[in-house]
Amino acid sequence: MKNADIVFNKINRVLEVSLVIIFALLVIDVLWQVFSRYILNISFSFTEEFARFSLIWLSILGAAYLNAKREHLSMDFIYRKLSSDNKRKISILIEIFIFLFAFLVMVIGGLNLVYITLHLEQISGTLRIPLGYVYAILPFSGLLISWFSIYHISKIYKNQIKD
């Protein structure tokens, strides 16, 4: 197993554990919200905001994880009809588009968003944390997706990924 494969597997493992932890926190938060509202007759306002931020992190990190596993949403009815050589070329082209989107929109755009929200000192309403920290998951996931795309391109190019 080469160094890139080792790094790839370790990053995937960290992503899996992180996603499980975030999901568990989300479930606990929502259960607490329901319990406190209907049993204790007290409504904690932080639970709704925490659930929203957890869902943002869960979905964006989940997108990076699915990209790593190459299990992202796709319509492959035309792709399946292509020859293996054309499948390989299209797969590389798709990975290039994914890389460009992740890098330009998620990394560069996400860094701009984080910078603006931190610079303007925008703070969440209830939890009172800087929104830049919440949005920081965007460039982070963009970097992961970009790296995964480069990794997949190298594997496709070497015929180590079969579709």
Protein backbone atom coordinates (compact mmCIF):
# COMPACT_ATOMS: atom_id res chain seq x y z
CA MET A 1 0.00 0.00 0.00
CA LYS A 2 1.44 3.35 -1.02
CA ASN A 3 1.61 6.53 1.05
CA ALA A 4 -1.33 8.13 -0.79
CA ASP A 5 -3.47 5.07 -0.06
CA ILE A 6 -2.52 5.15 3.62
CA VAL A 7 -3.37 8.86 3.87
CA PHE A 8 -6.61 8.27 1.96
CA ASN A 9 -7.69 5.48 4.33
CA LYS A 10 -6.76 7.46 7.44
CA ILE A 11 -8.65 10.54 6.26
CA ASN A 12 -11.69 8.37 5.48
CA ARG A 13 -11.54 6.82 8.94
CA VAL A 14 -11.33 10.22 10.63
CA LEU A 15 -14.25 11.41 8.48
CA GLU A 16 -16.32 8.36 9.43
CA VAL A 17 -15.72 8.87 13.15
CA SER A 18 -16.39 12.62 12.86
CA LEU A 19 -19.65 12.04 11.03
CA VAL A 20 -20.80 9.51 13.62
CA ILE A 21 -19.97 11.92 16.46
CA ILE A 22 -21.74 14.85 14.77
CA PHE A 23 -24.79 12.69 14.05
CA ALA A 24 -24.86 11.40 17.63
CA LEU A 25 -24.68 14.97 18.96
CA LEU A 26 -27.47 15.97 16.60
CA VAL A 27 -29.69 13.12 17.79
CA ILE A 28 -28.98 13.89 21.46
CA ASP A 29 -29.68 17.58 20.85
CA VAL A 30 -33.01 16.94 19.13
CA LEU A 31 -34.06 14.37 21.76
CA TRP A 32 -33.21 16.88 24.49
CA GLN A 33 -35.21 19.54 22.65
CA VAL A 34 -38.27 17.29 22.43
CA PHE A 35 -37.91 16.08 26.02
CA SER A 36 -37.49 19.56 27.46
CA ARG A 37 -40.34 21.01 25.44
CA TYR A 38 -42.96 18.32 26.02
CA ILE A 39 -41.97 16.80 29.36
CA LEU A 40 -40.36 19.71 31.23
CA ASN A 41 -42.42 22.42 29.50
CA ILE A 42 -39.23 24.43 28.98
CA SER A 43 -37.93 25.43 25.58
CA PHE A 44 -34.19 25.84 25.25
CA SER A 45 -33.40 28.09 22.32
CA PHE A 46 -29.83 26.85 21.83
CA THR A 47 -30.99 23.37 20.79
CA GLU A 48 -32.55 24.56 17.53
CA GLU A 49 -29.46 26.53 16.52
CA PHE A 50 -27.12 23.71 17.48
CA ALA A 51 -29.22 21.27 15.43
CA ARG A 52 -29.04 23.59 12.42
CA PHE A 53 -25.27 24.00 12.66
CA SER A 54 -24.78 20.25 13.21
CA LEU A 55 -26.85 19.49 10.14
CA ILE A 56 -24.75 21.91 8.08
CA TRP A 57 -21.55 20.24 9.20
CA LEU A 58 -23.00 16.75 8.77
CA SER A 59 -24.18 17.35 5.22
CA ILE A 60 -21.04 19.12 3.98
CA LEU A 61 -18.63 16.67 5.59
CA GLY A 62 -20.88 13.85 4.39
CA ALA A 63 -20.52 15.15 0.84
CA ALA A 64 -16.74 14.96 1.19
CA TYR A 65 -16.98 11.44 2.59
CA LEU A 66 -19.24 10.28 -0.25
CA ASN A 67 -16.88 11.85 -2.77
CA ALA A 68 -14.02 9.86 -1.26
CA LYS A 69 -16.00 6.65 -1.64
CA ARG A 70 -17.14 7.71 -5.15
CA GLU A 71 -20.74 7.17 -4.04
CA HIS A 72 -22.03 10.63 -4.79
CA LEU A 73 -25.27 11.08 -6.65
CA SER A 74 -24.94 10.43 -10.37
CA MET A 75 -27.03 9.56 -13.37
CA ASP A 76 -25.11 6.85 -15.14
CA PHE A 77 -27.52 5.47 -17.74
CA ILE A 78 -25.45 6.94 -20.60
CA TYR A 79 -22.15 6.27 -18.84
CA ARG A 80 -22.91 2.54 -18.58
CA LYS A 81 -23.29 2.30 -22.35
CA LEU A 82 -19.79 3.66 -23.05
CA SER A 83 -16.74 1.58 -23.83
CA SER A 84 -14.21 1.07 -21.04
CA ASP A 85 -11.77 3.54 -22.64
CA ASN A 86 -14.46 6.22 -22.91
CA LYS A 87 -15.60 5.49 -19.34
CA ARG A 88 -12.05 6.13 -18.20
CA LYS A 89 -11.87 9.44 -20.07
CA ILE A 90 -15.27 10.58 -18.82
CA SER A 91 -14.38 9.57 -15.24
CA ILE A 92 -11.25 11.72 -15.38
CA LEU A 93 -13.25 14.62 -16.84
CA ILE A 94 -15.87 14.29 -14.10
CA GLU A 95 -13.18 14.28 -11.43
CA ILE A 96 -11.65 17.42 -12.98
CA PHE A 97 -15.04 19.16 -12.82
CA ILE A 98 -15.51 18.04 -9.22
CA PHE A 99 -12.04 19.35 -8.39
CA LEU A 100 -12.72 22.71 -10.06
CA PHE A 101 -16.06 23.13 -8.28
CA ALA A 102 -14.64 22.10 -4.90
CA PHE A 103 -11.60 24.33 -5.22
CA LEU A 104 -13.19 27.42 -6.76
CA VAL A 105 -16.55 27.43 -5.00
CA MET A 106 -15.95 25.60 -1.74
CA VAL A 107 -12.34 26.50 -0.94
CA ILE A 108 -11.94 29.99 -2.41
CA GLY A 109 -15.58 31.03 -1.95
CA GLY A 110 -15.69 29.39 1.48
CA LEU A 111 -12.53 31.15 2.62
CA ASN A 112 -14.02 34.46 1.47
CA LEU A 113 -17.21 33.69 3.41
CA VAL A 114 -15.27 32.77 6.54
CA TYR A 115 -13.10 35.88 6.23
CA ILE A 116 -16.07 38.20 5.76
CA THR A 117 -18.08 36.75 8.64
CA LEU A 118 -15.08 36.79 10.97
CA HIS A 119 -14.05 40.28 9.84
CA LEU A 120 -17.56 41.65 10.36
CA GLU A 121 -17.73 39.78 13.68
CA GLN A 122 -21.03 38.11 12.86
CA ILE A 123 -22.16 36.06 15.83
CA SER A 124 -24.87 33.40 16.00
CA GLY A 125 -28.02 34.49 17.75
CA THR A 126 -28.24 31.97 20.56
CA LEU A 127 -24.94 30.13 20.91
CA ARG A 128 -22.98 33.40 20.51
CA ILE A 129 -20.22 31.83 18.45
CA PRO A 130 -18.68 33.52 15.40
CA LEU A 131 -20.45 32.33 12.24
CA GLY A 132 -17.08 32.07 10.55
CA TYR A 133 -16.41 28.99 12.68
CA VAL A 134 -19.62 27.41 11.46
CA TYR A 135 -18.81 28.25 7.84
CA ALA A 136 -15.22 27.00 8.16
CA ILE A 137 -16.44 23.53 7.29
CA LEU A 138 -16.98 24.69 3.70
CA PRO A 139 -13.33 25.35 2.72
CA PHE A 140 -12.20 22.39 4.82
CA SER A 141 -14.52 20.00 2.99
CA GLY A 142 -13.58 21.65 -0.31
CA LEU A 143 -9.93 20.86 0.36
CA LEU A 144 -10.82 17.26 1.17
CA ILE A 145 -12.91 16.90 -1.99
CA SER A 146 -10.14 18.48 -4.07
CA TRP A 147 -7.59 16.07 -2.64
CA PHE A 148 -9.93 13.12 -3.17
CA SER A 149 -10.44 14.16 -6.81
CA ILE A 150 -6.69 14.29 -7.42
CA TYR A 151 -6.37 10.90 -5.74
CA HIS A 152 -9.16 9.44 -7.92
CA ILE A 153 -7.68 10.91 -11.10
CA SER A 154 -4.35 9.23 -10.35
CA LYS A 155 -6.11 5.92 -9.65
CA ILE A 156 -8.24 6.15 -12.80
CA TYR A 157 -5.19 7.08 -14.87
CA LYS A 158 -3.34 4.02 -13.54
CA ASN A 159 -6.42 1.82 -14.18
CA GLN A 160 -6.70 1.04 -10.46
CA ILE A 161 -10.35 2.14 -10.27
CA LYS A 162 -12.88 0.12 -12.19
CA ASP A 163 -16.40 1.39 -12.88
